[in-house]
């Protein structure tokens, strides 16, 4: 059985200055990473943060994960999809 984790997404809008764009929003992925026993979410993580992390899930991507990772993410409050 496979597990899929999609990190959270933030929406910013409007997408442009013209009145036609006011209905549209731009999506931006949030990176989720673990340092020690704590989980962090950042839009723009630094390379130093990612280097010390024991697990990194880049925003804007889908990640196929193991059962162990699924358990840890769900314990931290994230939703994991079973495929």
N, C-alpha and C. Protein backbone atom coordinates (compact mmCIF):
# COMPACT_ATOMS: atom_id res chain seq x y z
N UNK A 1 0.84 -1.16 0.00
CA UNK A 1 0.00 0.00 0.00
C UNK A 1 0.90 1.24 0.00
N UNK A 2 0.52 2.21 -0.78
CA UNK A 2 1.31 3.45 -0.91
C UNK A 2 0.60 4.59 -0.18
N UNK A 3 1.40 5.51 0.31
CA UNK A 3 0.87 6.68 1.01
C UNK A 3 1.38 7.93 0.33
N UNK A 4 0.52 8.93 0.22
CA UNK A 4 0.85 10.16 -0.49
C UNK A 4 0.66 11.35 0.46
N UNK A 5 1.70 12.18 0.56
CA UNK A 5 1.62 13.39 1.38
C UNK A 5 1.78 14.61 0.49
N UNK A 6 0.83 15.52 0.59
CA UNK A 6 0.88 16.79 -0.14
C UNK A 6 0.94 17.89 0.91
N UNK A 7 2.06 18.62 0.98
CA UNK A 7 2.18 19.69 1.98
C UNK A 7 1.13 20.78 1.77
N UNK A 8 0.88 21.58 2.80
CA UNK A 8 -0.14 22.64 2.70
C UNK A 8 0.17 23.66 1.61
N UNK A 9 -0.87 24.37 1.20
CA UNK A 9 -0.75 25.39 0.15
C UNK A 9 -1.37 26.68 0.66
N UNK A 10 -0.71 27.80 0.38
CA UNK A 10 -1.26 29.12 0.67
C UNK A 10 -1.72 29.75 -0.63
N UNK A 11 -2.79 30.53 -0.57
CA UNK A 11 -3.30 31.22 -1.76
C UNK A 11 -3.18 32.72 -1.57
N UNK A 12 -2.61 33.37 -2.57
CA UNK A 12 -2.46 34.82 -2.56
C UNK A 12 -3.24 35.40 -3.72
N UNK A 13 -3.86 36.53 -3.51
CA UNK A 13 -4.60 37.12 -4.59
C UNK A 13 -4.84 38.59 -4.34
N UNK A 14 -5.30 39.28 -5.30
CA UNK A 14 -5.61 38.81 -6.65
C UNK A 14 -4.34 38.51 -7.46
N UNK A 15 -4.53 37.76 -8.54
CA UNK A 15 -3.40 37.31 -9.35
C UNK A 15 -2.83 38.41 -10.23
N UNK A 16 -3.52 39.51 -10.38
CA UNK A 16 -3.01 40.60 -11.21
C UNK A 16 -3.70 41.91 -10.87
N UNK A 17 -3.29 42.97 -11.57
CA UNK A 17 -3.81 44.29 -11.29
C UNK A 17 -5.11 44.62 -12.01
N UNK A 18 -5.39 43.92 -13.10
CA UNK A 18 -6.60 44.18 -13.87
C UNK A 18 -7.81 43.59 -13.14
N UNK A 19 -8.99 44.15 -13.34
CA UNK A 19 -10.20 43.67 -12.68
C UNK A 19 -10.52 42.23 -13.03
N UNK A 20 -10.09 41.75 -14.18
CA UNK A 20 -10.33 40.36 -14.57
C UNK A 20 -9.60 39.37 -13.67
N UNK A 21 -8.52 39.78 -13.05
CA UNK A 21 -7.71 38.89 -12.24
C UNK A 21 -8.13 38.86 -10.77
N UNK A 22 -9.06 39.68 -10.36
CA UNK A 22 -9.43 39.76 -8.95
C UNK A 22 -10.05 38.47 -8.42
N UNK A 23 -10.62 37.67 -9.28
CA UNK A 23 -11.22 36.40 -8.85
C UNK A 23 -10.18 35.30 -8.66
N UNK A 24 -9.02 35.44 -9.25
CA UNK A 24 -8.03 34.37 -9.26
C UNK A 24 -6.97 34.59 -8.20
N UNK A 25 -6.54 33.48 -7.62
CA UNK A 25 -5.49 33.52 -6.60
C UNK A 25 -4.33 32.64 -7.05
N UNK A 26 -3.14 33.00 -6.61
CA UNK A 26 -1.94 32.22 -6.90
C UNK A 26 -1.67 31.28 -5.74
N UNK A 27 -1.35 30.04 -6.04
CA UNK A 27 -1.07 29.05 -4.99
C UNK A 27 0.43 28.95 -4.78
N UNK A 28 0.81 28.81 -3.50
CA UNK A 28 2.22 28.70 -3.15
C UNK A 28 2.38 27.58 -2.13
N UNK A 29 3.21 26.60 -2.44
CA UNK A 29 3.43 25.46 -1.55
C UNK A 29 4.25 25.83 -0.32
N UNK A 30 3.97 25.17 0.79
CA UNK A 30 4.68 25.38 2.04
C UNK A 30 5.51 24.14 2.33
N UNK A 31 6.79 24.34 2.64
CA UNK A 31 7.68 23.23 2.95
C UNK A 31 7.48 22.80 4.40
N UNK A 32 7.39 21.48 4.60
CA UNK A 32 7.25 20.90 5.94
C UNK A 32 8.53 20.13 6.23
N UNK A 33 9.13 20.39 7.40
CA UNK A 33 10.34 19.65 7.76
C UNK A 33 10.39 19.39 9.26
N UNK A 34 11.19 18.39 9.63
CA UNK A 34 11.28 17.96 11.01
C UNK A 34 12.71 18.14 11.51
N UNK A 35 12.84 18.80 12.65
CA UNK A 35 14.14 18.95 13.32
C UNK A 35 13.95 18.41 14.74
N UNK A 36 14.68 17.34 15.04
CA UNK A 36 14.51 16.69 16.34
C UNK A 36 13.14 16.07 16.42
N UNK A 37 12.32 16.52 17.37
CA UNK A 37 10.95 16.01 17.49
C UNK A 37 9.91 17.04 17.09
N UNK A 38 10.35 18.19 16.58
CA UNK A 38 9.44 19.27 16.21
C UNK A 38 9.28 19.38 14.70
N UNK A 39 8.06 19.68 14.28
CA UNK A 39 7.76 19.89 12.86
C UNK A 39 7.62 21.38 12.60
N UNK A 40 8.09 21.82 11.43
CA UNK A 40 8.05 23.24 11.06
C UNK A 40 7.45 23.39 9.67
N UNK A 41 6.79 24.53 9.43
CA UNK A 41 6.26 24.90 8.11
C UNK A 41 6.85 26.25 7.74
N UNK A 42 7.41 26.33 6.55
CA UNK A 42 7.95 27.61 6.07
C UNK A 42 7.71 27.73 4.57
N UNK A 43 7.41 28.95 4.16
CA UNK A 43 7.26 29.22 2.73
C UNK A 43 8.61 29.22 2.03
N UNK A 44 9.57 29.84 2.66
CA UNK A 44 10.90 29.97 2.08
C UNK A 44 11.95 29.50 3.08
N UNK A 45 12.12 28.18 3.24
CA UNK A 45 13.11 27.70 4.20
C UNK A 45 14.53 27.95 3.70
N UNK A 46 15.43 28.21 4.63
CA UNK A 46 16.82 28.41 4.24
C UNK A 46 17.50 27.05 4.07
N UNK A 47 18.60 27.03 3.35
CA UNK A 47 19.33 25.79 3.15
C UNK A 47 19.86 25.26 4.48
N UNK A 48 20.21 26.15 5.40
CA UNK A 48 20.69 25.72 6.72
C UNK A 48 19.61 24.96 7.48
N UNK A 49 18.36 25.43 7.39
CA UNK A 49 17.26 24.73 8.04
C UNK A 49 17.07 23.33 7.46
N UNK A 50 17.15 23.23 6.14
CA UNK A 50 16.95 21.95 5.48
C UNK A 50 18.11 20.99 5.73
N UNK A 51 19.31 21.52 5.91
CA UNK A 51 20.48 20.67 6.16
C UNK A 51 20.40 19.97 7.51
N UNK A 52 19.83 20.62 8.52
CA UNK A 52 19.76 20.01 9.85
C UNK A 52 18.48 19.19 10.05
N UNK A 53 17.58 19.23 9.09
CA UNK A 53 16.30 18.52 9.21
C UNK A 53 16.49 17.02 8.99
N UNK A 54 15.73 16.23 9.73
CA UNK A 54 15.77 14.78 9.55
C UNK A 54 14.76 14.31 8.49
N UNK A 55 13.76 15.14 8.19
CA UNK A 55 12.78 14.84 7.14
C UNK A 55 12.36 16.15 6.50
N UNK A 56 12.30 16.15 5.17
CA UNK A 56 11.92 17.37 4.43
C UNK A 56 10.90 17.00 3.36
N UNK A 57 9.80 17.75 3.30
CA UNK A 57 8.78 17.58 2.28
C UNK A 57 8.58 18.94 1.63
N UNK A 58 9.12 19.11 0.44
CA UNK A 58 9.09 20.40 -0.24
C UNK A 58 7.67 20.75 -0.68
N UNK A 59 7.31 22.00 -0.47
CA UNK A 59 5.99 22.48 -0.85
C UNK A 59 5.82 22.50 -2.35
N UNK A 60 4.60 22.25 -2.81
CA UNK A 60 4.32 22.26 -4.23
C UNK A 60 4.58 20.92 -4.90
N UNK A 61 4.92 19.90 -4.14
CA UNK A 61 5.21 18.57 -4.68
C UNK A 61 4.38 17.53 -3.96
N UNK A 62 4.20 16.38 -4.61
CA UNK A 62 3.56 15.23 -3.98
C UNK A 62 4.66 14.27 -3.57
N UNK A 63 4.56 13.73 -2.36
CA UNK A 63 5.61 12.86 -1.83
C UNK A 63 5.01 11.50 -1.49
N UNK A 64 5.55 10.43 -2.09
CA UNK A 64 5.17 9.08 -1.71
C UNK A 64 6.02 8.70 -0.51
N UNK A 65 5.36 8.28 0.56
CA UNK A 65 6.05 8.06 1.82
C UNK A 65 5.81 6.66 2.35
N UNK A 66 6.58 6.28 3.36
CA UNK A 66 6.46 4.97 3.98
C UNK A 66 5.44 5.02 5.11
N UNK A 67 5.14 3.84 5.66
CA UNK A 67 4.21 3.76 6.77
C UNK A 67 4.74 4.49 8.00
N UNK A 68 6.03 4.41 8.24
CA UNK A 68 6.65 5.12 9.37
C UNK A 68 6.49 6.63 9.23
N UNK A 69 6.75 7.14 8.03
CA UNK A 69 6.59 8.58 7.79
C UNK A 69 5.13 8.99 7.91
N UNK A 70 4.23 8.14 7.42
CA UNK A 70 2.79 8.41 7.52
C UNK A 70 2.38 8.55 8.98
N UNK A 71 2.84 7.64 9.81
CA UNK A 71 2.49 7.67 11.23
C UNK A 71 3.00 8.95 11.89
N UNK A 72 4.23 9.34 11.58
CA UNK A 72 4.81 10.55 12.17
C UNK A 72 4.07 11.80 11.71
N UNK A 73 3.73 11.87 10.42
CA UNK A 73 3.02 13.05 9.91
C UNK A 73 1.61 13.16 10.49
N UNK A 74 0.93 12.04 10.60
CA UNK A 74 -0.42 12.07 11.17
C UNK A 74 -0.39 12.44 12.65
N UNK A 75 0.65 12.00 13.37
CA UNK A 75 0.79 12.37 14.77
C UNK A 75 1.02 13.87 14.92
N UNK A 76 1.64 14.49 13.90
CA UNK A 76 1.90 15.93 13.91
C UNK A 76 0.68 16.73 13.44
N UNK A 77 -0.37 16.03 12.99
CA UNK A 77 -1.60 16.73 12.60
C UNK A 77 -1.80 16.91 11.11
N UNK A 78 -0.98 16.28 10.28
CA UNK A 78 -1.12 16.41 8.83
C UNK A 78 -1.99 15.29 8.29
N UNK A 79 -2.56 15.51 7.12
CA UNK A 79 -3.39 14.51 6.46
C UNK A 79 -2.57 13.79 5.41
N UNK A 80 -2.65 12.46 5.41
CA UNK A 80 -1.93 11.63 4.45
C UNK A 80 -2.96 10.84 3.67
N UNK A 81 -2.78 10.75 2.36
CA UNK A 81 -3.71 10.06 1.48
C UNK A 81 -3.21 8.63 1.26
N UNK A 82 -4.10 7.66 1.40
CA UNK A 82 -3.77 6.26 1.12
C UNK A 82 -4.16 5.96 -0.32
N UNK A 83 -3.19 5.49 -1.11
CA UNK A 83 -3.49 5.20 -2.53
C UNK A 83 -3.52 3.72 -2.79
